[in-house]
Amino acid sequence: MNALKKILGLVWMLTGLALMVGLPYETIKKLTSNTAGAEDYVFWLVIMVIFLPITAGLILFGRYAWAGEYDKN
């Protein structure tokens, strides 16, 4: 079970990193398009404010799982 926790920790870290990079990329791509309106700016600002701390938490959670902080001794 501890090995599974470590593997999932790596999965969480990689998922968080992918989201941390992909989310701003997608936001910039959407907001620099010619069809972006005011509602698009509000939507993507809210998404960034909500999901960037969540992705940071995923990375931190994965780091602790990878380091074995959740192992039962």
PDB file of N, CA and C in Angstrom:
ATOM      1  N   MET A   1       0.818  -1.193   0.000  1.00  0.00           N
ATOM      2  CA  MET A   1       0.000   0.000   0.000  1.00  0.00           C
ATOM      3  C   MET A   1       0.865   1.263   0.000  1.00  0.00           C
ATOM      4  N   ASN A   2       2.004   1.192   0.699  1.00  0.00           N
ATOM      5  CA  ASN A   2       2.882   2.365   0.725  1.00  0.00           C
ATOM      6  C   ASN A   2       3.462   2.660  -0.649  1.00  0.00           C
ATOM      7  N   ALA A   3       3.736   1.608  -1.425  1.00  0.00           N
ATOM      8  CA  ALA A   3       4.247   1.814  -2.787  1.00  0.00           C
ATOM      9  C   ALA A   3       3.191   2.495  -3.651  1.00  0.00           C
ATOM     10  N   LEU A   4       1.934   2.107  -3.457  1.00  0.00           N
ATOM     11  CA  LEU A   4       0.843   2.734  -4.203  1.00  0.00           C
ATOM     12  C   LEU A   4       0.734   4.219  -3.854  1.00  0.00           C
ATOM     13  N   LYS A   5       0.907   4.542  -2.590  1.00  0.00           N
ATOM     14  CA  LYS A   5       0.861   5.945  -2.166  1.00  0.00           C
ATOM     15  C   LYS A   5       1.982   6.751  -2.819  1.00  0.00           C
ATOM     16  N   LYS A   6       3.164   6.153  -2.919  1.00  0.00           N
ATOM     17  CA  LYS A   6       4.278   6.859  -3.546  1.00  0.00           C
ATOM     18  C   LYS A   6       4.040   7.056  -5.037  1.00  0.00           C
ATOM     19  N   ILE A   7       3.503   6.034  -5.698  1.00  0.00           N
ATOM     20  CA  ILE A   7       3.210   6.153  -7.127  1.00  0.00           C
ATOM     21  C   ILE A   7       2.145   7.214  -7.361  1.00  0.00           C
ATOM     22  N   LEU A   8       1.100   7.194  -6.544  1.00  0.00           N
ATOM     23  CA  LEU A   8       0.050   8.200  -6.686  1.00  0.00           C
ATOM     24  C   LEU A   8       0.562   9.597  -6.340  1.00  0.00           C
ATOM     25  N   GLY A   9       1.520   9.681  -5.426  1.00  0.00           N
ATOM     26  CA  GLY A   9       2.143  10.970  -5.137  1.00  0.00           C
ATOM     27  C   GLY A   9       2.823  11.546  -6.362  1.00  0.00           C
ATOM     28  N   LEU A  10       3.504  10.683  -7.104  1.00  0.00           N
ATOM     29  CA  LEU A  10       4.130  11.128  -8.348  1.00  0.00           C
ATOM     30  C   LEU A  10       3.072  11.554  -9.361  1.00  0.00           C
ATOM     31  N   VAL A  11       1.978  10.803  -9.425  1.00  0.00           N
ATOM     32  CA  VAL A  11       0.880  11.156 -10.337  1.00  0.00           C
ATOM     33  C   VAL A  11       0.307  12.521  -9.968  1.00  0.00           C
ATOM     34  N   TRP A  12       0.091  12.768  -8.679  1.00  0.00           N
ATOM     35  CA  TRP A  12      -0.467  14.057  -8.247  1.00  0.00           C
ATOM     36  C   TRP A  12       0.483  15.200  -8.572  1.00  0.00           C
ATOM     37  N   MET A  13       1.789  14.974  -8.360  1.00  0.00           N
ATOM     38  CA  MET A  13       2.748  16.036  -8.668  1.00  0.00           C
ATOM     39  C   MET A  13       2.767  16.353 -10.159  1.00  0.00           C
ATOM     40  N   LEU A  14       2.761  15.321 -10.990  1.00  0.00           N
ATOM     41  CA  LEU A  14       2.784  15.547 -12.436  1.00  0.00           C
ATOM     42  C   LEU A  14       1.490  16.189 -12.923  1.00  0.00           C
ATOM     43  N   THR A  15       0.366  15.777 -12.339  1.00  0.00           N
ATOM     44  CA  THR A  15      -0.916  16.382 -12.706  1.00  0.00           C
ATOM     45  C   THR A  15      -0.946  17.859 -12.311  1.00  0.00           C
ATOM     46  N   GLY A  16      -0.510  18.152 -11.105  1.00  0.00           N
ATOM     47  CA  GLY A  16      -0.466  19.542 -10.656  1.00  0.00           C
ATOM     48  C   GLY A  16       0.460  20.393 -11.500  1.00  0.00           C
ATOM     49  N   LEU A  17       1.602  19.838 -11.865  1.00  0.00           N
ATOM     50  CA  LEU A  17       2.544  20.577 -12.700  1.00  0.00           C
ATOM     51  C   LEU A  17       1.972  20.828 -14.090  1.00  0.00           C
ATOM     52  N   ALA A  18       1.320  19.814 -14.658  1.00  0.00           N
ATOM     53  CA  ALA A  18       0.710  19.981 -15.984  1.00  0.00           C
ATOM     54  C   ALA A  18      -0.378  21.049 -15.949  1.00  0.00           C
ATOM     55  N   LEU A  19      -1.184  21.042 -14.894  1.00  0.00           N
ATOM     56  CA  LEU A  19      -2.229  22.059 -14.768  1.00  0.00           C
ATOM     57  C   LEU A  19      -1.642  23.440 -14.495  1.00  0.00           C
ATOM     58  N   MET A  20      -0.562  23.490 -13.718  1.00  0.00           N
ATOM     59  CA  MET A  20       0.066  24.767 -13.395  1.00  0.00           C
ATOM     60  C   MET A  20       0.650  25.419 -14.650  1.00  0.00           C
ATOM     61  N   VAL A  21       1.076  24.614 -15.598  1.00  0.00           N
ATOM     62  CA  VAL A  21       1.622  25.141 -16.850  1.00  0.00           C
ATOM     63  C   VAL A  21       0.516  25.327 -17.887  1.00  0.00           C
ATOM     64  N   GLY A  22      -0.381  24.356 -17.976  1.00  0.00           N
ATOM     65  CA  GLY A  22      -1.400  24.367 -19.023  1.00  0.00           C
ATOM     66  C   GLY A  22      -2.494  25.393 -18.827  1.00  0.00           C
ATOM     67  N   LEU A  23      -2.869  25.636 -17.590  1.00  0.00           N
ATOM     68  CA  LEU A  23      -3.958  26.573 -17.319  1.00  0.00           C
ATOM     69  C   LEU A  23      -3.611  28.010 -17.728  1.00  0.00           C
ATOM     70  N   PRO A  24      -2.460  28.544 -17.339  1.00  0.00           N
ATOM     71  CA  PRO A  24      -2.126  29.892 -17.827  1.00  0.00           C
ATOM     72  C   PRO A  24      -1.957  29.947 -19.346  1.00  0.00           C
ATOM     73  N   TYR A  25      -1.412  28.882 -19.927  1.00  0.00           N
ATOM     74  CA  TYR A  25      -1.262  28.842 -21.385  1.00  0.00           C
ATOM     75  C   TYR A  25      -2.623  28.930 -22.064  1.00  0.00           C
ATOM     76  N   GLU A  26      -3.567  28.147 -21.587  1.00  0.00           N
ATOM     77  CA  GLU A  26      -4.915  28.157 -22.169  1.00  0.00           C
ATOM     78  C   GLU A  26      -5.596  29.506 -21.943  1.00  0.00           C
ATOM     79  N   THR A  27      -5.390  30.091 -20.767  1.00  0.00           N
ATOM     80  CA  THR A  27      -5.977  31.394 -20.465  1.00  0.00           C
ATOM     81  C   THR A  27      -5.444  32.469 -21.410  1.00  0.00           C
ATOM     82  N   ILE A  28      -4.144  32.491 -21.592  1.00  0.00           N
ATOM     83  CA  ILE A  28      -3.555  33.490 -22.489  1.00  0.00           C
ATOM     84  C   ILE A  28      -4.036  33.280 -23.916  1.00  0.00           C
ATOM     85  N   LYS A  29      -4.120  32.020 -24.324  1.00  0.00           N
ATOM     86  CA  LYS A  29      -4.575  31.716 -25.684  1.00  0.00           C
ATOM     87  C   LYS A  29      -6.009  32.190 -25.897  1.00  0.00           C
ATOM     88  N   LYS A  30      -6.879  31.958 -24.917  1.00  0.00           N
ATOM     89  CA  LYS A  30      -8.283  32.365 -25.056  1.00  0.00           C
ATOM     90  C   LYS A  30      -8.443  33.881 -25.001  1.00  0.00           C
ATOM     91  N   LEU A  31      -7.689  34.530 -24.128  1.00  0.00           N
ATOM     92  CA  LEU A  31      -7.877  35.970 -23.947  1.00  0.00           C
ATOM     93  C   LEU A  31      -7.205  36.807 -25.024  1.00  0.00           C
ATOM     94  N   THR A  32      -6.261  36.248 -25.745  1.00  0.00           N
ATOM     95  CA  THR A  32      -5.634  37.002 -26.830  1.00  0.00           C
ATOM     96  C   THR A  32      -6.305  36.758 -28.175  1.00  0.00           C
ATOM     97  N   SER A  33      -7.355  35.952 -28.188  1.00  0.00           N
ATOM     98  CA  SER A  33      -8.076  35.749 -29.446  1.00  0.00           C
ATOM     99  C   SER A  33      -8.911  36.993 -29.760  1.00  0.00           C
ATOM    100  N   ASN A  34      -9.270  37.136 -30.998  1.00  0.00           N
ATOM    101  CA  ASN A  34     -10.029  38.318 -31.429  1.00  0.00           C
ATOM    102  C   ASN A  34     -11.466  38.303 -30.929  1.00  0.00           C
ATOM    103  N   THR A  35     -11.976  37.151 -30.552  1.00  0.00           N
ATOM    104  CA  THR A  35     -13.376  37.045 -30.141  1.00  0.00           C
ATOM    105  C   THR A  35     -13.561  37.149 -28.631  1.00  0.00           C
ATOM    106  N   ALA A  36     -12.505  37.412 -27.874  1.00  0.00           N
ATOM    107  CA  ALA A  36     -12.612  37.477 -26.417  1.00  0.00           C
ATOM    108  C   ALA A  36     -13.366  38.730 -25.993  1.00  0.00           C
ATOM    109  N   GLY A  37     -14.389  38.515 -25.181  1.00  0.00           N
ATOM    110  CA  GLY A  37     -15.176  39.627 -24.665  1.00  0.00           C
ATOM    111  C   GLY A  37     -14.953  39.801 -23.173  1.00  0.00           C
ATOM    112  N   ALA A  38     -15.702  40.705 -22.584  1.00  0.00           N
ATOM    113  CA  ALA A  38     -15.566  40.991 -21.156  1.00  0.00           C
ATOM    114  C   ALA A  38     -15.910  39.775 -20.311  1.00  0.00           C
ATOM    115  N   GLU A  39     -16.937  39.014 -20.726  1.00  0.00           N
ATOM    116  CA  GLU A  39     -17.317  37.834 -19.947  1.00  0.00           C
ATOM    117  C   GLU A  39     -16.230  36.764 -19.985  1.00  0.00           C
ATOM    118  N   ASP A  40     -15.447  36.721 -21.066  1.00  0.00           N
ATOM    119  CA  ASP A  40     -14.333  35.776 -21.139  1.00  0.00           C
ATOM    120  C   ASP A  40     -13.238  36.149 -20.139  1.00  0.00           C
ATOM    121  N   TYR A  41     -12.964  37.438 -20.017  1.00  0.00           N
ATOM    122  CA  TYR A  41     -11.955  37.885 -19.063  1.00  0.00           C
ATOM    123  C   TYR A  41     -12.364  37.549 -17.630  1.00  0.00           C
ATOM    124  N   VAL A  42     -13.617  37.778 -17.306  1.00  0.00           N
ATOM    125  CA  VAL A  42     -14.103  37.478 -15.958  1.00  0.00           C
ATOM    126  C   VAL A  42     -14.046  35.978 -15.702  1.00  0.00           C
ATOM    127  N   PHE A  43     -14.507  35.188 -16.660  1.00  0.00           N
ATOM    128  CA  PHE A  43     -14.515  33.736 -16.503  1.00  0.00           C
ATOM    129  C   PHE A  43     -13.103  33.198 -16.265  1.00  0.00           C
ATOM    130  N   TRP A  44     -12.155  33.590 -17.108  1.00  0.00           N
ATOM    131  CA  TRP A  44     -10.807  33.042 -16.986  1.00  0.00           C
ATOM    132  C   TRP A  44     -10.074  33.584 -15.767  1.00  0.00           C
ATOM    133  N   LEU A  45     -10.389  34.801 -15.342  1.00  0.00           N
ATOM    134  CA  LEU A  45      -9.798  35.315 -14.111  1.00  0.00           C
ATOM    135  C   LEU A  45     -10.273  34.501 -12.913  1.00  0.00           C
ATOM    136  N   VAL A  46     -11.560  34.200 -12.876  1.00  0.00           N
ATOM    137  CA  VAL A  46     -12.106  33.388 -11.784  1.00  0.00           C
ATOM    138  C   VAL A  46     -11.491  31.991 -11.805  1.00  0.00           C
ATOM    139  N   ILE A  47     -11.382  31.397 -12.984  1.00  0.00           N
ATOM    140  CA  ILE A  47     -10.781  30.067 -13.105  1.00  0.00           C
ATOM    141  C   ILE A  47      -9.344  30.079 -12.590  1.00  0.00           C
ATOM    142  N   MET A  48      -8.582  31.088 -12.958  1.00  0.00           N
ATOM    143  CA  MET A  48      -7.184  31.161 -12.514  1.00  0.00           C
ATOM    144  C   MET A  48      -7.087  31.339 -10.999  1.00  0.00           C
ATOM    145  N   VAL A  49      -7.914  32.224 -10.452  1.00  0.00           N
ATOM    146  CA  VAL A  49      -7.865  32.488  -9.009  1.00  0.00           C
ATOM    147  C   VAL A  49      -8.252  31.249  -8.211  1.00  0.00           C
ATOM    148  N   ILE A  50      -9.191  30.474  -8.709  1.00  0.00           N
ATOM    149  CA  ILE A  50      -9.645  29.290  -7.984  1.00  0.00           C
ATOM    150  C   ILE A  50      -8.704  28.106  -8.186  1.00  0.00           C
ATOM    151  N   PHE A  51      -8.283  27.859  -9.413  1.00  0.00           N
ATOM    152  CA  PHE A  51      -7.591  26.612  -9.699  1.00  0.00           C
ATOM    153  C   PHE A  51      -6.077  26.649  -9.507  1.00  0.00           C
ATOM    154  N   LEU A  52      -5.438  27.795  -9.535  1.00  0.00           N
ATOM    155  CA  LEU A  52      -3.997  27.810  -9.287  1.00  0.00           C
ATOM    156  C   LEU A  52      -3.642  27.383  -7.860  1.00  0.00           C
ATOM    157  N   PRO A  53      -4.352  27.831  -6.820  1.00  0.00           N
ATOM    158  CA  PRO A  53      -4.054  27.297  -5.485  1.00  0.00           C
ATOM    159  C   PRO A  53      -4.368  25.803  -5.362  1.00  0.00           C
ATOM    160  N   ILE A  54      -5.390  25.335  -6.078  1.00  0.00           N
ATOM    161  CA  ILE A  54      -5.702  23.908  -6.047  1.00  0.00           C
ATOM    162  C   ILE A  54      -4.562  23.111  -6.668  1.00  0.00           C
ATOM    163  N   THR A  55      -4.010  23.595  -7.769  1.00  0.00           N
ATOM    164  CA  THR A  55      -2.899  22.879  -8.392  1.00  0.00           C
ATOM    165  C   THR A  55      -1.657  22.914  -7.510  1.00  0.00           C
ATOM    166  N   ALA A  56      -1.438  24.020  -6.818  1.00  0.00           N
ATOM    167  CA  ALA A  56      -0.314  24.078  -5.879  1.00  0.00           C
ATOM    168  C   ALA A  56      -0.514  23.070  -4.752  1.00  0.00           C
ATOM    169  N   GLY A  57      -1.747  22.924  -4.292  1.00  0.00           N
ATOM    170  CA  GLY A  57      -2.051  21.926  -3.276  1.00  0.00           C
ATOM    171  C   GLY A  57      -1.844  20.509  -3.775  1.00  0.00           C
ATOM    172  N   LEU A  58      -2.185  20.249  -5.025  1.00  0.00           N
ATOM    173  CA  LEU A  58      -1.936  18.927  -5.612  1.00  0.00           C
ATOM    174  C   LEU A  58      -0.447  18.613  -5.622  1.00  0.00           C
ATOM    175  N   ILE A  59       0.351  19.581  -6.011  1.00  0.00           N
ATOM    176  CA  ILE A  59       1.799  19.368  -6.045  1.00  0.00           C
ATOM    177  C   ILE A  59       2.336  19.119  -4.642  1.00  0.00           C
ATOM    178  N   LEU A  60       1.884  19.894  -3.678  1.00  0.00           N
ATOM    179  CA  LEU A  60       2.337  19.723  -2.298  1.00  0.00           C
ATOM    180  C   LEU A  60       1.889  18.380  -1.729  1.00  0.00           C
ATOM    181  N   PHE A  61       0.644  18.008  -1.966  1.00  0.00           N
ATOM    182  CA  PHE A  61       0.129  16.722  -1.513  1.00  0.00           C
ATOM    183  C   PHE A  61       0.927  15.579  -2.134  1.00  0.00           C
ATOM    184  N   GLY A  62       1.208  15.687  -3.430  1.00  0.00           N
ATOM    185  CA  GLY A  62       1.995  14.663  -4.104  1.00  0.00           C
ATOM    186  C   GLY A  62       3.409  14.575  -3.566  1.00  0.00           C
ATOM    187  N   ARG A  63       3.978  15.717  -3.231  1.00  0.00           N
ATOM    188  CA  ARG A  63       5.338  15.721  -2.670  1.00  0.00           C
ATOM    189  C   ARG A  63       5.377  14.999  -1.332  1.00  0.00           C
ATOM    190  N   TYR A  64       4.392  15.259  -0.494  1.00  0.00           N
ATOM    191  CA  TYR A  64       4.342  14.582   0.799  1.00  0.00           C
ATOM    192  C   TYR A  64       4.103  13.086   0.635  1.00  0.00           C
ATOM    193  N   ALA A  65       3.244  12.710  -0.290  1.00  0.00           N
ATOM    194  CA  ALA A  65       2.992  11.287  -0.530  1.00  0.00           C
ATOM    195  C   ALA A  65       4.244  10.619  -1.088  1.00  0.00           C
ATOM    196  N   TRP A  66       4.938  11.291  -1.985  1.00  0.00           N
ATOM    197  CA  TRP A  66       6.157  10.742  -2.577  1.00  0.00           C
ATOM    198  C   TRP A  66       7.255  10.588  -1.512  1.00  0.00           C
ATOM    199  N   ALA A  67       7.309  11.520  -0.565  1.00  0.00           N
ATOM    200  CA  ALA A  67       8.321  11.474   0.489  1.00  0.00           C
ATOM    201  C   ALA A  67       7.985  10.459   1.571  1.00  0.00           C
ATOM    202  N   GLY A  68       6.775   9.917   1.557  1.00  0.00           N
ATOM    203  CA  GLY A  68       6.407   8.905   2.538  1.00  0.00           C
ATOM    204  C   GLY A  68       5.821   9.458   3.818  1.00  0.00           C
ATOM    205  N   GLU A  69       5.339  10.685   3.789  1.00  0.00           N
ATOM    206  CA  GLU A  69       4.766  11.291   4.991  1.00  0.00           C
ATOM    207  C   GLU A  69       3.478  10.599   5.435  1.00  0.00           C
ATOM    208  N   TYR A  70       2.799   9.936   4.512  1.00  0.00           N
ATOM    209  CA  TYR A  70       1.529   9.295   4.833  1.00  0.00           C
ATOM    210  C   TYR A  70       1.677   7.794   5.059  1.00  0.00           C
ATOM    211  N   ASP A  71       2.903   7.293   5.109  1.00  0.00           N
ATOM    212  CA  ASP A  71       3.123   5.864   5.337  1.00  0.00           C
ATOM    213  C   ASP A  71       2.804   5.509   6.783  1.00  0.00           C
ATOM    214  N   LYS A  72       2.270   4.314   6.955  1.00  0.00           N
ATOM    215  CA  LYS A  72       2.017   3.812   8.306  1.00  0.00           C
ATOM    216  C   LYS A  72       3.229   3.013   8.750  1.00  0.00           C
ATOM    217  N   ASN A  73       3.780   3.376   9.881  1.00  0.00           N
ATOM    218  CA  ASN A  73       4.976   2.683  10.390  1.00  0.00           C
ATOM    219  C   ASN A  73       4.612   1.585  11.333  1.00  0.00           C
TER     220      ASN A  73
END
